[in-house]
Protein backbone atom coordinates (compact mmCIF):
# COMPACT_ATOMS: atom_id res chain seq x y z
CA MET A 1 2.25 26.66 -2.17
CA VAL A 2 2.20 23.02 -3.06
CA VAL A 3 0.46 21.67 -5.70
CA CYS A 4 0.30 17.56 -6.12
CA LEU A 5 -1.39 15.34 -9.42
CA SER A 6 -4.61 13.29 -8.30
CA LEU A 7 -4.60 11.76 -11.47
CA MET A 8 -5.89 7.96 -10.25
CA SER A 9 -9.24 7.11 -10.11
CA PRO A 10 -12.58 8.66 -7.83
CA VAL A 11 -11.55 4.60 -5.89
CA ALA A 12 -8.26 5.03 -5.49
CA ALA A 13 -8.26 8.89 -4.26
CA LEU A 14 -11.40 8.22 -2.09
CA ALA A 15 -9.92 5.35 -0.37
CA GLN A 16 -6.72 8.07 0.65
CA ASP A 17 -9.20 9.58 2.73
CA ASP A 18 -12.18 7.41 4.11
CA PRO A 19 -11.13 3.50 3.84
CA ALA A 20 -14.33 2.54 4.30
CA ALA A 21 -16.48 4.90 1.54
CA ALA A 22 -14.19 3.12 -0.60
CA LYS A 23 -15.17 -0.23 0.17
CA LYS A 24 -18.78 0.63 -1.26
CA SER A 25 -17.66 1.75 -3.99
CA PHE A 26 -14.76 -0.89 -4.82
CA GLY A 27 -15.86 -4.02 -6.36
CA PRO A 28 -17.61 -5.88 -8.69
CA ARG A 29 -21.38 -5.54 -7.46
CA VAL A 30 -20.45 -1.96 -8.21
CA ASN A 31 -22.52 -0.53 -11.80
CA GLN A 32 -19.81 1.74 -13.91
CA GLY A 33 -20.01 5.55 -12.93
CA GLN A 34 -21.55 4.21 -9.22
CA ALA A 35 -19.67 7.52 -7.62
CA ALA A 36 -19.49 7.38 -4.33
CA THR A 37 -20.19 11.71 -2.95
CA GLY A 38 -17.15 13.30 -2.45
CA ALA A 39 -14.83 11.40 -5.00
CA PRO A 40 -13.04 14.10 -6.83
CA PRO A 41 -14.47 14.79 -10.34
CA PRO A 42 -13.25 12.25 -13.67
CA SER A 43 -10.16 13.67 -15.59
CA GLU A 44 -9.91 14.99 -19.04
CA VAL A 45 -8.32 12.78 -21.77
CA ILE A 46 -6.92 15.34 -24.24
CA GLY A 47 -4.70 13.84 -26.20
CA THR A 48 -4.50 10.05 -27.30
CA HIS A 49 -0.28 8.63 -28.89
CA GLY A 50 -0.58 5.40 -29.40
CA ALA A 51 -0.94 3.43 -25.79
CA TRP A 52 -0.50 7.15 -24.26
CA GLN A 53 -3.65 8.84 -22.87
CA LEU A 54 -2.36 12.94 -22.23
CA GLN A 55 -4.65 13.50 -19.07
CA CYS A 56 -5.30 16.72 -17.37
CA GLY A 57 -7.40 17.09 -14.06
CA ALA A 58 -7.69 19.91 -11.76
CA ALA A 59 -4.72 20.66 -9.23
CA GLN A 60 -5.29 20.66 -5.65
CA ALA A 61 -3.36 22.25 -2.84
CA ALA A 62 -0.93 19.58 -0.13
CA ASP A 63 -4.16 19.78 2.10
CA GLY A 64 -6.51 18.08 -0.92
CA SER A 65 -8.19 20.86 -1.70
CA PRO A 66 -8.42 22.77 -5.71
CA ASP A 67 -5.73 25.17 -6.52
CA PRO A 68 -6.97 28.52 -5.20
CA ALA A 69 -5.25 29.60 -8.79
CA GLY A 70 -7.60 27.15 -10.77
CA LYS A 71 -4.78 25.65 -12.37
CA LYS A 72 -4.62 22.19 -14.36
CA GLN A 73 -2.19 19.82 -13.71
CA CYS A 74 -1.33 16.58 -17.33
CA GLY A 75 0.02 13.22 -17.17
CA MET A 76 0.23 10.76 -19.77
CA VAL A 77 -1.15 7.72 -18.19
CA GLN A 78 -0.62 3.73 -19.65
CA VAL A 79 -2.76 0.90 -17.96
CA THR A 80 -1.23 -2.45 -18.64
CA ARG A 81 -2.96 -6.23 -17.05
CA ASN A 82 -0.35 -8.81 -16.30
CA GLU A 83 -0.03 -11.65 -19.22
CA LYS A 84 -0.68 -14.35 -16.92
CA ASN A 85 -2.38 -13.01 -14.41
CA GLU A 86 -5.29 -10.67 -15.96
CA LYS A 87 -6.00 -9.49 -12.14
CA VAL A 88 -3.28 -8.44 -11.43
CA ALA A 89 -3.01 -4.61 -13.37
CA LEU A 90 -0.10 -1.84 -13.76
CA SER A 91 -0.93 2.36 -13.96
CA LEU A 92 2.14 4.28 -15.20
CA ILE A 93 1.24 8.00 -15.26
CA ILE A 94 4.34 10.18 -16.27
CA VAL A 95 4.12 14.39 -14.93
CA LYS A 96 5.56 16.87 -15.28
CA ALA A 97 6.54 19.03 -11.98
CA LYS A 98 9.12 21.34 -10.30
CA GLN A 99 12.03 20.56 -7.55
CA ASN A 100 14.29 22.83 -6.15
CA GLU A 101 13.04 25.37 -8.89
CA LYS A 102 13.89 23.03 -11.71
CA ASP A 103 11.62 21.47 -14.79
CA VAL A 104 11.27 18.02 -13.59
CA THR A 105 9.52 14.55 -15.32
CA MET A 106 8.16 12.04 -13.02
CA MET A 107 6.77 8.23 -12.87
CA ARG A 108 4.20 7.10 -10.51
CA VAL A 109 3.16 3.79 -11.13
CA MET A 110 0.53 2.08 -8.77
CA VAL A 111 0.34 -1.36 -8.56
CA PRO A 112 -2.32 -3.74 -6.44
CA ILE A 113 -1.59 -4.13 -2.29
CA GLY A 114 0.67 -7.09 -1.29
CA VAL A 115 4.34 -7.09 -3.52
CA TYR A 116 7.50 -7.75 -1.87
CA LEU A 117 7.92 -3.86 -1.58
CA PRO A 118 12.30 -3.70 -0.88
CA THR A 119 12.83 -4.21 -4.32
CA GLY A 120 10.58 -1.13 -5.71
CA VAL A 121 10.21 -1.59 -9.44
CA ALA A 122 12.70 -2.33 -12.05
CA LEU A 123 12.53 -1.35 -15.74
CA GLU A 124 13.67 -2.75 -18.62
CA ILE A 125 13.62 -1.51 -22.32
CA ASP A 126 13.98 -3.55 -25.18
CA GLY A 127 15.36 -6.39 -22.70
CA GLU A 128 18.15 -4.16 -21.30
CA ALA A 129 18.02 -3.29 -17.67
CA VAL A 130 17.35 0.45 -16.73
CA GLY A 131 17.39 1.06 -13.29
CA ARG A 132 14.33 0.98 -10.00
CA VAL A 133 11.55 2.93 -9.18
CA PRO A 134 11.52 2.28 -5.39
CA PHE A 135 8.26 2.73 -3.58
CA THR A 136 7.11 5.26 -1.74
CA ARG A 137 3.65 4.70 0.07
CA CYS A 138 0.90 1.08 -0.06
CA ARG A 139 -2.86 2.37 0.35
CA PRO A 140 -5.75 0.69 0.97
CA GLN A 141 -6.11 -0.58 -2.65
CA ILE A 142 -2.46 0.10 -4.40
CA CYS A 143 1.01 0.51 -3.53
CA GLU A 144 2.93 3.60 -5.09
CA ALA A 145 6.54 4.06 -6.85
CA PHE A 146 7.48 7.38 -7.32
CA ALA A 147 10.49 8.67 -8.92
CA GLU A 148 12.64 10.93 -11.69
CA ALA A 149 12.49 9.95 -14.93
CA SER A 150 16.31 10.98 -15.95
CA PRO A 151 16.82 12.72 -19.86
CA PRO A 152 19.60 9.55 -20.14
CA THR A 153 16.00 6.88 -19.23
CA LEU A 154 13.53 9.74 -21.18
CA GLU A 155 15.63 9.11 -24.29
CA LYS A 156 15.76 5.79 -23.89
CA LEU A 157 11.81 5.23 -23.87
CA LYS A 158 11.58 7.60 -27.08
CA LYS A 159 13.94 5.15 -28.27
CA GLY A 160 12.32 1.64 -27.56
CA GLY A 161 9.77 -0.47 -29.04
CA ALA A 162 8.50 -2.14 -25.48
CA ALA A 163 9.42 -1.80 -21.98
CA ASN A 164 9.18 -3.94 -19.14
CA PHE A 165 7.90 -3.20 -15.62
CA ILE A 166 8.06 -5.98 -13.27
CA ILE A 167 6.24 -6.13 -9.55
CA TYR A 168 7.40 -8.96 -7.47
CA GLU A 169 5.61 -11.25 -4.92
CA ALA A 170 8.58 -12.46 -3.41
CA PRO A 171 12.60 -12.42 -4.20
CA GLY A 172 12.99 -13.21 -7.25
CA LEU A 173 9.35 -13.40 -8.29
CA GLY A 174 9.10 -11.36 -10.58
CA MET A 175 5.67 -10.54 -13.02
CA PRO A 176 6.85 -8.25 -16.44
CA MET A 177 4.00 -5.36 -17.26
CA LYS A 178 4.68 -4.45 -20.78
CA ILE A 179 4.36 -1.14 -21.52
CA SER A 180 3.54 -0.06 -25.03
CA LEU A 181 6.31 2.70 -26.08
CA GLU A 182 4.20 3.53 -28.75
CA GLY A 183 2.82 6.92 -29.07
CA PHE A 184 5.80 7.73 -26.43
CA SER A 185 7.29 10.89 -27.72
CA ALA A 186 4.34 12.61 -29.41
CA ALA A 187 2.75 12.21 -25.84
CA LEU A 188 5.58 13.49 -24.49
CA ASP A 189 5.41 16.67 -26.32
CA GLN A 190 2.14 17.41 -26.21
CA LEU A 191 2.53 17.06 -21.85
CA ASN A 192 5.61 19.58 -22.41
CA GLU A 193 3.18 21.93 -24.22
CA GLN A 194 0.48 22.28 -20.97
């Protein structure tokens, strides 16, 4: 059985299954707390470390149904906005997963649609280029980049002061999205205990 993590907003999760319902429940005219029927239950915040929240939610099978064993899946979450354009947001979720019977740490970066996909999302830690996270898919409201966070990258994140995830509007036209690394090590330690 494949277990997936669904640590995204109910609207984003709903948009994946029913774009028409997502349109009805998305945008500035929707009252806060107004949820469309069929949306998954919200994730529970089980810890806050600096700028990071540790959230847990019910694990799901590959078909989207609840995991029959009742397992939960947890992730470190931080949301940021571009300093020059507040309408552009980025969500970063770091989760533990199994890959070929090996424990790995994965990064999921969610950004608005309309980004330049071929460049992926560039990562800088304390001004030093670290690598890129490739885009894997776009949904009606977001595009997702997904990749493993290697042990050397995790060490740089633990020791660093700030990170920039750079999304591109066009070739060479990047928009840096600052991510605070305050509390990263403590949040990762708590994630590893889950």
